N, C-alpha and C. Protein backbone atom coordinates (compact mmCIF):
# COMPACT_ATOMS: atom_id res chain seq x y z
N MET A 1 9.19 31.55 11.11
CA MET A 1 7.75 31.37 11.00
C MET A 1 7.36 30.00 11.57
N HIS A 2 8.14 28.95 11.24
CA HIS A 2 7.82 27.61 11.73
C HIS A 2 7.88 27.57 13.26
N ARG A 3 8.92 28.22 13.83
CA ARG A 3 9.03 28.22 15.29
C ARG A 3 7.83 28.91 15.93
N LEU A 4 7.39 30.00 15.33
CA LEU A 4 6.23 30.73 15.85
C LEU A 4 4.98 29.86 15.74
N ASN A 5 4.78 29.21 14.60
CA ASN A 5 3.62 28.32 14.44
C ASN A 5 3.65 27.20 15.45
N THR A 6 4.83 26.60 15.66
CA THR A 6 4.97 25.50 16.61
C THR A 6 4.67 25.99 18.02
N LEU A 7 5.20 27.14 18.37
CA LEU A 7 4.96 27.69 19.71
C LEU A 7 3.48 28.00 19.90
N LEU A 8 2.86 28.64 18.92
CA LEU A 8 1.43 28.95 19.03
C LEU A 8 0.59 27.68 19.14
N HIS A 9 0.93 26.67 18.35
CA HIS A 9 0.23 25.39 18.41
C HIS A 9 0.35 24.79 19.81
N THR A 10 1.56 24.81 20.35
CA THR A 10 1.79 24.26 21.69
C THR A 10 0.99 25.02 22.74
N LEU A 11 1.00 26.34 22.64
CA LEU A 11 0.25 27.15 23.60
C LEU A 11 -1.25 26.92 23.51
N LEU A 12 -1.77 26.77 22.29
CA LEU A 12 -3.19 26.48 22.11
C LEU A 12 -3.57 25.14 22.73
N ILE A 13 -2.74 24.14 22.50
CA ILE A 13 -3.02 22.82 23.07
C ILE A 13 -2.94 22.88 24.59
N ALA A 14 -1.91 23.54 25.10
CA ALA A 14 -1.75 23.65 26.55
C ALA A 14 -2.92 24.40 27.17
N GLY A 15 -3.32 25.51 26.52
CA GLY A 15 -4.44 26.29 27.04
C GLY A 15 -5.73 25.49 27.03
N GLY A 16 -5.98 24.77 25.94
CA GLY A 16 -7.17 23.93 25.84
C GLY A 16 -7.16 22.82 26.88
N ALA A 17 -6.00 22.23 27.07
CA ALA A 17 -5.88 21.16 28.06
C ALA A 17 -6.12 21.71 29.46
N ALA A 18 -5.59 22.91 29.75
CA ALA A 18 -5.79 23.51 31.07
C ALA A 18 -7.26 23.81 31.31
N LEU A 19 -7.95 24.34 30.29
CA LEU A 19 -9.37 24.64 30.43
C LEU A 19 -10.18 23.36 30.64
N ALA A 20 -9.74 22.28 30.03
CA ALA A 20 -10.46 21.01 30.17
C ALA A 20 -10.07 20.28 31.45
N GLY A 21 -9.13 20.86 32.21
CA GLY A 21 -8.70 20.23 33.45
C GLY A 21 -7.72 19.08 33.22
N LEU A 22 -7.11 19.05 32.05
CA LEU A 22 -6.15 17.99 31.75
C LEU A 22 -4.74 18.49 31.99
N SER A 23 -3.84 17.58 32.28
CA SER A 23 -2.45 17.99 32.42
C SER A 23 -1.82 18.00 31.04
N PHE A 24 -0.82 18.82 30.86
CA PHE A 24 -0.16 18.94 29.59
C PHE A 24 1.33 19.09 29.82
N VAL A 25 2.11 18.31 29.09
CA VAL A 25 3.55 18.43 29.16
C VAL A 25 4.01 19.01 27.83
N ALA A 26 4.56 20.18 27.88
CA ALA A 26 5.03 20.84 26.65
C ALA A 26 6.26 20.13 26.12
N PRO A 27 6.44 20.17 24.79
CA PRO A 27 7.66 19.59 24.25
C PRO A 27 8.87 20.35 24.76
N PRO A 28 10.03 19.71 24.78
CA PRO A 28 11.23 20.41 25.25
C PRO A 28 11.48 21.67 24.43
N ALA A 29 12.05 22.68 25.05
CA ALA A 29 12.31 23.94 24.35
C ALA A 29 13.13 23.71 23.09
N SER A 30 14.08 22.78 23.15
CA SER A 30 14.93 22.55 21.98
C SER A 30 14.10 22.05 20.79
N ALA A 31 13.08 21.24 21.04
CA ALA A 31 12.24 20.74 19.95
C ALA A 31 11.45 21.88 19.32
N LEU A 32 11.10 22.88 20.11
CA LEU A 32 10.37 24.03 19.58
C LEU A 32 11.26 24.88 18.68
N GLU A 33 12.56 24.77 18.84
CA GLU A 33 13.51 25.56 18.07
C GLU A 33 13.95 24.86 16.79
N ALA A 34 13.48 23.66 16.54
CA ALA A 34 13.90 22.91 15.36
C ALA A 34 13.38 23.56 14.08
N SER A 35 14.17 23.44 13.03
CA SER A 35 13.75 23.94 11.72
C SER A 35 13.90 22.82 10.70
N PHE A 36 13.24 22.99 9.55
CA PHE A 36 13.29 21.98 8.51
C PHE A 36 14.64 22.00 7.80
N VAL A 37 15.11 20.81 7.43
CA VAL A 37 16.38 20.70 6.71
C VAL A 37 16.18 20.16 5.29
N GLY A 38 15.03 19.58 5.00
CA GLY A 38 14.74 19.06 3.68
C GLY A 38 15.19 17.62 3.48
N ALA A 39 14.55 16.95 2.57
CA ALA A 39 14.81 15.52 2.32
C ALA A 39 16.22 15.27 1.80
N LYS A 40 16.80 16.22 1.10
CA LYS A 40 18.16 16.02 0.60
C LYS A 40 19.15 15.82 1.74
N LYS A 41 18.92 16.48 2.85
CA LYS A 41 19.80 16.31 4.02
C LYS A 41 19.63 14.91 4.61
N CYS A 42 18.40 14.42 4.62
CA CYS A 42 18.13 13.07 5.14
C CYS A 42 18.77 12.02 4.24
N LYS A 43 18.78 12.31 2.94
CA LYS A 43 19.32 11.39 1.94
C LYS A 43 20.77 11.02 2.22
N VAL A 44 21.54 11.96 2.75
CA VAL A 44 22.96 11.74 2.99
C VAL A 44 23.21 10.44 3.75
N CYS A 45 22.43 10.18 4.77
CA CYS A 45 22.62 8.96 5.58
C CYS A 45 21.61 7.86 5.30
N HIS A 46 20.47 8.22 4.77
CA HIS A 46 19.38 7.25 4.65
C HIS A 46 19.14 6.75 3.23
N LYS A 47 20.19 6.72 2.41
CA LYS A 47 20.05 6.21 1.05
C LYS A 47 20.75 4.87 0.84
N LYS A 48 21.49 4.43 1.81
CA LYS A 48 22.28 3.21 1.68
C LYS A 48 21.45 1.98 2.03
N GLU A 49 21.61 0.92 1.24
CA GLU A 49 20.85 -0.33 1.48
C GLU A 49 21.15 -0.91 2.86
N GLU A 50 22.40 -0.82 3.31
CA GLU A 50 22.75 -1.41 4.60
C GLU A 50 22.05 -0.76 5.79
N VAL A 51 21.53 0.44 5.60
CA VAL A 51 20.76 1.08 6.68
C VAL A 51 19.27 1.11 6.37
N GLY A 52 18.88 0.52 5.24
CA GLY A 52 17.46 0.40 4.92
C GLY A 52 16.97 1.23 3.74
N ASN A 53 17.82 2.09 3.19
CA ASN A 53 17.46 2.94 2.06
C ASN A 53 16.08 3.60 2.24
N GLN A 54 15.89 4.23 3.37
CA GLN A 54 14.63 4.90 3.65
C GLN A 54 14.34 5.99 2.63
N TYR A 55 15.37 6.69 2.17
CA TYR A 55 15.19 7.76 1.19
C TYR A 55 14.66 7.18 -0.13
N GLY A 56 15.24 6.09 -0.59
CA GLY A 56 14.79 5.46 -1.84
C GLY A 56 13.36 4.96 -1.73
N HIS A 57 13.03 4.41 -0.56
CA HIS A 57 11.67 3.93 -0.33
C HIS A 57 10.68 5.10 -0.39
N TRP A 58 11.05 6.21 0.25
CA TRP A 58 10.20 7.41 0.23
C TRP A 58 10.04 7.92 -1.20
N GLN A 59 11.12 7.96 -1.97
CA GLN A 59 11.06 8.48 -3.34
C GLN A 59 10.04 7.75 -4.20
N LYS A 60 9.82 6.48 -3.92
CA LYS A 60 8.87 5.68 -4.70
C LYS A 60 7.44 5.80 -4.17
N SER A 61 7.27 6.48 -3.07
CA SER A 61 5.96 6.55 -2.42
C SER A 61 5.10 7.69 -2.97
N ALA A 62 3.81 7.59 -2.69
CA ALA A 62 2.87 8.66 -3.05
C ALA A 62 3.21 9.94 -2.29
N HIS A 63 3.75 9.81 -1.09
CA HIS A 63 4.11 11.00 -0.32
C HIS A 63 5.12 11.86 -1.06
N ALA A 64 6.12 11.24 -1.67
CA ALA A 64 7.15 12.00 -2.38
C ALA A 64 6.58 12.77 -3.57
N HIS A 65 5.47 12.31 -4.07
CA HIS A 65 4.86 12.93 -5.25
C HIS A 65 3.57 13.69 -4.92
N ALA A 66 3.35 13.95 -3.65
CA ALA A 66 2.11 14.60 -3.20
C ALA A 66 1.92 15.99 -3.79
N TYR A 67 2.98 16.76 -3.91
CA TYR A 67 2.85 18.11 -4.48
C TYR A 67 2.53 18.03 -5.96
N GLU A 68 3.23 17.18 -6.68
CA GLU A 68 2.99 17.11 -8.13
C GLU A 68 1.61 16.55 -8.45
N THR A 69 1.03 15.74 -7.57
CA THR A 69 -0.32 15.23 -7.84
C THR A 69 -1.35 16.36 -7.85
N LEU A 70 -1.03 17.46 -7.17
CA LEU A 70 -1.94 18.60 -7.16
C LEU A 70 -2.06 19.25 -8.53
N ALA A 71 -1.14 18.92 -9.45
CA ALA A 71 -1.20 19.46 -10.81
C ALA A 71 -1.95 18.52 -11.75
N SER A 72 -2.41 17.39 -11.25
CA SER A 72 -3.11 16.42 -12.10
C SER A 72 -4.51 16.91 -12.45
N ASP A 73 -5.04 16.38 -13.53
CA ASP A 73 -6.40 16.75 -13.95
C ASP A 73 -7.41 16.38 -12.87
N LYS A 74 -7.21 15.22 -12.25
CA LYS A 74 -8.13 14.76 -11.19
C LYS A 74 -8.14 15.76 -10.02
N ALA A 75 -6.96 16.21 -9.61
CA ALA A 75 -6.87 17.18 -8.51
C ALA A 75 -7.50 18.52 -8.89
N LYS A 76 -7.25 18.95 -10.11
CA LYS A 76 -7.81 20.22 -10.56
C LYS A 76 -9.33 20.17 -10.64
N GLU A 77 -9.87 19.04 -11.10
CA GLU A 77 -11.33 18.88 -11.16
C GLU A 77 -11.94 18.92 -9.77
N LYS A 78 -11.32 18.18 -8.85
CA LYS A 78 -11.83 18.15 -7.47
C LYS A 78 -11.72 19.54 -6.84
N ALA A 79 -10.61 20.21 -7.09
CA ALA A 79 -10.41 21.55 -6.54
C ALA A 79 -11.49 22.50 -7.03
N GLN A 80 -11.82 22.38 -8.29
CA GLN A 80 -12.84 23.25 -8.87
C GLN A 80 -14.18 23.06 -8.15
N THR A 81 -14.53 21.81 -7.82
CA THR A 81 -15.79 21.55 -7.12
C THR A 81 -15.76 22.13 -5.70
N LEU A 82 -14.55 22.35 -5.18
CA LEU A 82 -14.40 22.90 -3.83
C LEU A 82 -14.16 24.41 -3.85
N GLY A 83 -14.20 25.01 -5.05
CA GLY A 83 -13.99 26.45 -5.17
C GLY A 83 -12.53 26.86 -5.08
N ILE A 84 -11.63 25.95 -5.44
CA ILE A 84 -10.19 26.23 -5.39
C ILE A 84 -9.69 26.38 -6.82
N ASP A 85 -9.05 27.51 -7.11
CA ASP A 85 -8.55 27.77 -8.46
C ASP A 85 -7.35 26.89 -8.81
N ASP A 86 -6.34 26.90 -7.97
CA ASP A 86 -5.11 26.16 -8.24
C ASP A 86 -4.71 25.37 -7.00
N PRO A 87 -4.86 24.05 -7.03
CA PRO A 87 -4.53 23.26 -5.84
C PRO A 87 -3.06 23.37 -5.43
N GLN A 88 -2.15 23.67 -6.36
CA GLN A 88 -0.74 23.80 -6.01
C GLN A 88 -0.43 25.13 -5.31
N LYS A 89 -1.45 25.98 -5.17
CA LYS A 89 -1.25 27.25 -4.48
C LYS A 89 -2.21 27.42 -3.30
N SER A 90 -3.12 26.51 -3.14
CA SER A 90 -4.14 26.64 -2.10
C SER A 90 -3.68 26.08 -0.75
N PRO A 91 -3.76 26.89 0.29
CA PRO A 91 -3.42 26.38 1.62
C PRO A 91 -4.27 25.17 2.03
N LYS A 92 -5.50 25.11 1.52
CA LYS A 92 -6.37 23.97 1.84
C LYS A 92 -5.76 22.66 1.36
N CYS A 93 -5.03 22.70 0.26
CA CYS A 93 -4.40 21.50 -0.29
C CYS A 93 -2.96 21.35 0.20
N LEU A 94 -2.24 22.45 0.22
CA LEU A 94 -0.82 22.41 0.56
C LEU A 94 -0.56 21.99 2.00
N LYS A 95 -1.50 22.26 2.90
CA LYS A 95 -1.26 21.92 4.30
C LYS A 95 -1.01 20.42 4.48
N CYS A 96 -1.50 19.60 3.55
CA CYS A 96 -1.26 18.16 3.64
C CYS A 96 -0.36 17.62 2.53
N HIS A 97 -0.18 18.37 1.48
CA HIS A 97 0.59 17.87 0.34
C HIS A 97 2.05 18.28 0.34
N VAL A 98 2.46 19.15 1.26
CA VAL A 98 3.86 19.55 1.34
C VAL A 98 4.30 19.72 2.79
N THR A 99 5.44 19.18 3.11
CA THR A 99 6.02 19.35 4.44
C THR A 99 6.34 20.82 4.68
N ALA A 100 6.68 21.53 3.61
CA ALA A 100 7.10 22.93 3.72
C ALA A 100 5.97 23.91 4.03
N PHE A 101 4.74 23.45 4.12
CA PHE A 101 3.62 24.36 4.32
C PHE A 101 3.81 25.36 5.48
N PRO A 102 4.28 24.91 6.65
CA PRO A 102 4.42 25.87 7.76
C PRO A 102 5.42 27.00 7.50
N VAL A 103 6.32 26.83 6.54
CA VAL A 103 7.34 27.85 6.29
C VAL A 103 7.22 28.46 4.89
N MET A 104 6.06 28.32 4.27
CA MET A 104 5.87 28.80 2.90
C MET A 104 6.17 30.28 2.72
N ASP A 105 5.86 31.07 3.71
CA ASP A 105 6.09 32.51 3.61
C ASP A 105 7.58 32.86 3.57
N ASP A 106 8.42 31.88 3.90
CA ASP A 106 9.86 32.12 4.00
C ASP A 106 10.66 31.10 3.17
N LEU A 107 10.06 30.56 2.11
CA LEU A 107 10.73 29.51 1.33
C LEU A 107 12.07 29.92 0.76
N ALA A 108 12.25 31.19 0.42
CA ALA A 108 13.52 31.64 -0.14
C ALA A 108 14.68 31.41 0.84
N ASN A 109 14.38 31.37 2.12
CA ASN A 109 15.41 31.18 3.14
C ASN A 109 15.42 29.77 3.73
N GLN A 110 14.67 28.87 3.15
CA GLN A 110 14.54 27.52 3.69
C GLN A 110 15.33 26.51 2.87
N LYS A 111 15.63 25.39 3.48
CA LYS A 111 16.31 24.30 2.78
C LYS A 111 15.32 23.27 2.26
N ILE A 112 14.08 23.42 2.62
CA ILE A 112 13.02 22.50 2.21
C ILE A 112 12.27 23.13 1.03
N THR A 113 11.71 22.31 0.17
CA THR A 113 10.99 22.82 -1.00
C THR A 113 9.58 22.25 -1.05
N LEU A 114 8.72 22.92 -1.78
CA LEU A 114 7.37 22.41 -2.00
C LEU A 114 7.43 21.11 -2.79
N GLU A 115 8.34 21.06 -3.75
CA GLU A 115 8.42 19.94 -4.68
C GLU A 115 8.72 18.61 -4.01
N GLU A 116 9.30 18.61 -2.82
CA GLU A 116 9.56 17.32 -2.17
C GLU A 116 8.31 16.72 -1.55
N GLY A 117 7.21 17.42 -1.64
CA GLY A 117 5.93 16.86 -1.19
C GLY A 117 5.91 16.58 0.29
N VAL A 118 5.39 15.42 0.64
CA VAL A 118 5.31 15.00 2.04
C VAL A 118 6.58 14.20 2.30
N SER A 119 7.53 14.84 2.92
CA SER A 119 8.83 14.23 3.10
C SER A 119 9.07 13.80 4.54
N CYS A 120 10.27 13.39 4.81
CA CYS A 120 10.68 12.82 6.09
C CYS A 120 10.17 13.61 7.30
N GLU A 121 10.30 14.92 7.22
CA GLU A 121 10.00 15.75 8.38
C GLU A 121 8.51 15.93 8.65
N SER A 122 7.65 15.54 7.72
CA SER A 122 6.21 15.54 8.00
C SER A 122 5.90 14.51 9.07
N CYS A 123 6.59 13.41 9.00
CA CYS A 123 6.33 12.29 9.91
C CYS A 123 7.27 12.27 11.11
N HIS A 124 8.51 12.72 10.91
CA HIS A 124 9.54 12.58 11.94
C HIS A 124 9.89 13.88 12.65
N GLY A 125 9.27 14.99 12.26
CA GLY A 125 9.56 16.27 12.89
C GLY A 125 10.69 17.01 12.20
N ALA A 126 10.71 18.33 12.35
CA ALA A 126 11.77 19.16 11.77
C ALA A 126 13.13 18.64 12.23
N GLY A 127 14.06 18.51 11.30
CA GLY A 127 15.29 17.76 11.55
C GLY A 127 16.54 18.49 11.97
N SER A 128 16.49 19.79 12.12
CA SER A 128 17.74 20.51 12.39
C SER A 128 18.45 20.07 13.66
N LEU A 129 17.71 19.61 14.64
CA LEU A 129 18.32 19.24 15.92
C LEU A 129 18.73 17.76 16.00
N TYR A 130 18.28 16.95 15.06
CA TYR A 130 18.66 15.54 15.10
C TYR A 130 19.37 15.06 13.84
N LYS A 131 19.68 15.96 12.91
CA LYS A 131 20.25 15.58 11.62
C LYS A 131 21.68 15.04 11.69
N LYS A 132 22.40 15.35 12.72
CA LYS A 132 23.80 14.92 12.80
C LYS A 132 23.89 13.43 13.13
N LYS A 133 24.86 12.78 12.52
CA LYS A 133 25.08 11.35 12.73
C LYS A 133 25.31 11.04 14.22
N LYS A 134 26.05 11.88 14.89
CA LYS A 134 26.33 11.69 16.32
C LYS A 134 25.03 11.69 17.14
N THR A 135 24.12 12.59 16.79
CA THR A 135 22.84 12.67 17.49
C THR A 135 22.01 11.42 17.22
N MET A 136 21.94 11.02 15.95
CA MET A 136 21.16 9.82 15.59
C MET A 136 21.74 8.58 16.28
N LYS A 137 23.04 8.50 16.35
CA LYS A 137 23.69 7.38 17.03
C LYS A 137 23.33 7.39 18.53
N GLY A 138 23.34 8.58 19.12
CA GLY A 138 22.98 8.72 20.53
C GLY A 138 21.54 8.29 20.79
N ILE A 139 20.66 8.60 19.85
CA ILE A 139 19.26 8.18 19.98
C ILE A 139 19.18 6.65 19.89
N ALA A 140 19.85 6.07 18.90
CA ALA A 140 19.84 4.61 18.70
C ALA A 140 20.40 3.88 19.91
N GLU A 141 21.37 4.46 20.57
CA GLU A 141 22.00 3.84 21.75
C GLU A 141 21.25 4.15 23.04
N GLY A 142 20.20 4.97 22.95
CA GLY A 142 19.42 5.31 24.14
C GLY A 142 20.07 6.38 25.01
N LYS A 143 21.08 7.06 24.51
CA LYS A 143 21.76 8.10 25.27
C LYS A 143 21.10 9.46 25.11
N ILE A 144 20.33 9.62 24.04
CA ILE A 144 19.62 10.87 23.76
C ILE A 144 18.15 10.55 23.60
N ASP A 145 17.31 11.30 24.29
CA ASP A 145 15.87 11.13 24.15
C ASP A 145 15.44 11.77 22.83
N ARG A 146 14.84 10.97 21.96
CA ARG A 146 14.45 11.45 20.63
C ARG A 146 13.56 12.69 20.69
N ALA A 147 12.65 12.76 21.64
CA ALA A 147 11.74 13.90 21.75
C ALA A 147 12.49 15.18 22.09
N SER A 148 13.60 15.07 22.81
CA SER A 148 14.35 16.27 23.21
C SER A 148 14.97 16.99 22.02
N VAL A 149 15.12 16.29 20.90
CA VAL A 149 15.68 16.89 19.69
C VAL A 149 14.64 16.98 18.58
N GLY A 150 13.37 16.75 18.92
CA GLY A 150 12.28 16.92 17.98
C GLY A 150 12.03 15.75 17.05
N LEU A 151 12.68 14.61 17.28
CA LEU A 151 12.47 13.44 16.43
C LEU A 151 11.25 12.69 16.93
N THR A 152 10.23 12.66 16.10
CA THR A 152 8.99 11.99 16.49
C THR A 152 8.89 10.64 15.80
N LYS A 153 8.20 9.73 16.44
CA LYS A 153 7.92 8.42 15.85
C LYS A 153 6.50 8.50 15.34
N PRO A 154 6.33 8.37 14.02
CA PRO A 154 4.98 8.52 13.48
C PRO A 154 4.03 7.45 13.99
N ASP A 155 2.84 7.87 14.31
CA ASP A 155 1.80 6.96 14.75
C ASP A 155 0.51 7.33 14.02
N GLU A 156 -0.56 6.70 14.37
CA GLU A 156 -1.83 6.95 13.70
C GLU A 156 -2.25 8.42 13.79
N ALA A 157 -2.02 9.04 14.93
CA ALA A 157 -2.41 10.44 15.10
C ALA A 157 -1.65 11.35 14.13
N VAL A 158 -0.38 11.06 13.91
CA VAL A 158 0.41 11.84 12.96
C VAL A 158 -0.19 11.72 11.56
N CYS A 159 -0.50 10.50 11.16
CA CYS A 159 -1.08 10.27 9.83
C CYS A 159 -2.45 10.94 9.68
N LYS A 160 -3.23 10.90 10.73
CA LYS A 160 -4.59 11.43 10.66
C LYS A 160 -4.65 12.95 10.66
N ARG A 161 -3.50 13.61 10.77
CA ARG A 161 -3.51 15.06 10.60
C ARG A 161 -3.94 15.40 9.17
N CYS A 162 -3.67 14.47 8.24
CA CYS A 162 -4.07 14.68 6.83
C CYS A 162 -5.04 13.62 6.33
N HIS A 163 -4.85 12.40 6.76
CA HIS A 163 -5.73 11.32 6.31
C HIS A 163 -6.94 11.27 7.23
N ASN A 164 -7.89 12.17 6.95
CA ASN A 164 -9.07 12.29 7.79
C ASN A 164 -10.28 12.70 6.95
N GLN A 165 -11.40 12.96 7.59
CA GLN A 165 -12.64 13.28 6.89
C GLN A 165 -12.57 14.60 6.12
N ASP A 166 -11.61 15.45 6.41
CA ASP A 166 -11.47 16.71 5.67
C ASP A 166 -10.76 16.53 4.33
N ASN A 167 -10.14 15.38 4.13
CA ASN A 167 -9.43 15.08 2.89
C ASN A 167 -10.46 14.62 1.85
N PRO A 168 -10.63 15.39 0.77
CA PRO A 168 -11.67 15.04 -0.21
C PRO A 168 -11.42 13.75 -0.98
N PHE A 169 -10.21 13.20 -0.92
CA PHE A 169 -9.91 11.96 -1.62
C PHE A 169 -9.78 10.76 -0.69
N ASP A 170 -9.88 10.99 0.60
CA ASP A 170 -9.69 9.91 1.56
C ASP A 170 -11.03 9.22 1.84
N ASN A 171 -11.15 7.99 1.40
CA ASN A 171 -12.38 7.22 1.58
C ASN A 171 -12.22 6.19 2.68
N GLY A 172 -11.82 6.64 3.83
CA GLY A 172 -11.59 5.75 4.95
C GLY A 172 -10.12 5.40 5.06
N PHE A 173 -9.52 5.77 6.13
CA PHE A 173 -8.09 5.57 6.33
C PHE A 173 -7.86 4.34 7.18
N ASP A 174 -7.12 3.39 6.65
CA ASP A 174 -6.74 2.18 7.37
C ASP A 174 -5.28 2.31 7.76
N PHE A 175 -5.02 2.71 8.99
CA PHE A 175 -3.66 2.98 9.45
C PHE A 175 -2.76 1.77 9.27
N GLU A 176 -3.20 0.60 9.67
CA GLU A 176 -2.37 -0.60 9.60
C GLU A 176 -1.91 -0.87 8.16
N ALA A 177 -2.84 -0.82 7.21
CA ALA A 177 -2.50 -1.08 5.80
C ALA A 177 -1.60 0.03 5.25
N ALA A 178 -1.92 1.27 5.59
CA ALA A 178 -1.13 2.40 5.09
C ALA A 178 0.29 2.37 5.64
N TYR A 179 0.42 2.02 6.91
CA TYR A 179 1.74 2.00 7.54
C TYR A 179 2.63 0.93 6.89
N LYS A 180 2.04 -0.19 6.53
CA LYS A 180 2.81 -1.25 5.86
C LYS A 180 3.36 -0.75 4.52
N LYS A 181 2.61 0.11 3.84
CA LYS A 181 3.06 0.64 2.54
C LYS A 181 4.26 1.57 2.68
N ILE A 182 4.33 2.28 3.79
CA ILE A 182 5.40 3.26 3.95
C ILE A 182 6.49 2.84 4.92
N ALA A 183 6.33 1.69 5.56
CA ALA A 183 7.31 1.24 6.54
C ALA A 183 8.71 1.19 5.93
N HIS A 184 9.67 1.70 6.63
CA HIS A 184 11.05 1.74 6.16
C HIS A 184 12.01 1.62 7.34
N GLU A 185 11.88 0.53 8.01
CA GLU A 185 12.66 0.29 9.21
C GLU A 185 14.13 0.06 8.89
N ARG A 186 14.93 0.27 9.87
CA ARG A 186 16.36 -0.02 9.77
C ARG A 186 16.51 -1.54 9.87
N PRO A 187 17.31 -2.16 8.99
CA PRO A 187 17.47 -3.62 9.04
C PRO A 187 18.09 -4.08 10.36
N LYS A 188 17.68 -5.23 10.80
CA LYS A 188 18.26 -5.83 12.02
C LYS A 188 19.66 -6.33 11.68
N LYS A 189 20.59 -6.16 12.56
CA LYS A 189 21.97 -6.61 12.30
C LYS A 189 22.25 -7.91 13.00
């Protein structure tokens, strides 16, 4: 399902760009074939302090708790004003509160869960093609192009897919301030 959604999204963008007379470069075929692996897979390498403990940093963030916040009284009240019965089941809410949203119809066969909220792959792309240590090392050494394996570098546009005027709780998104809160760079050696 995720591959189909990604392909359809790519085709829609390409078609729109062609109609507007813009050039469009499609992502590499391999990136279109990537699937979600879940935050637990990322944890294997990204939990150690010597590499920056990105997993631990994420666990303490609002992103890691995005799904559970949908069960809060505040979320339920807001949902009610928007005509939503249960925010933890509404696509209007889940599209931004869980990385697993694109594959929800197939969760029984997925390694990602709703409960992990907005996890690594929301910002960095589905990880099946870059999850191996050898691949990550190749990217770090400049031998592998990160985009060819679906590894994206989050920027303001990535964040604004959810932090935008359609978000009923977002009262103005300051990318610079928000990025500082979630920054989890690899330490310099």
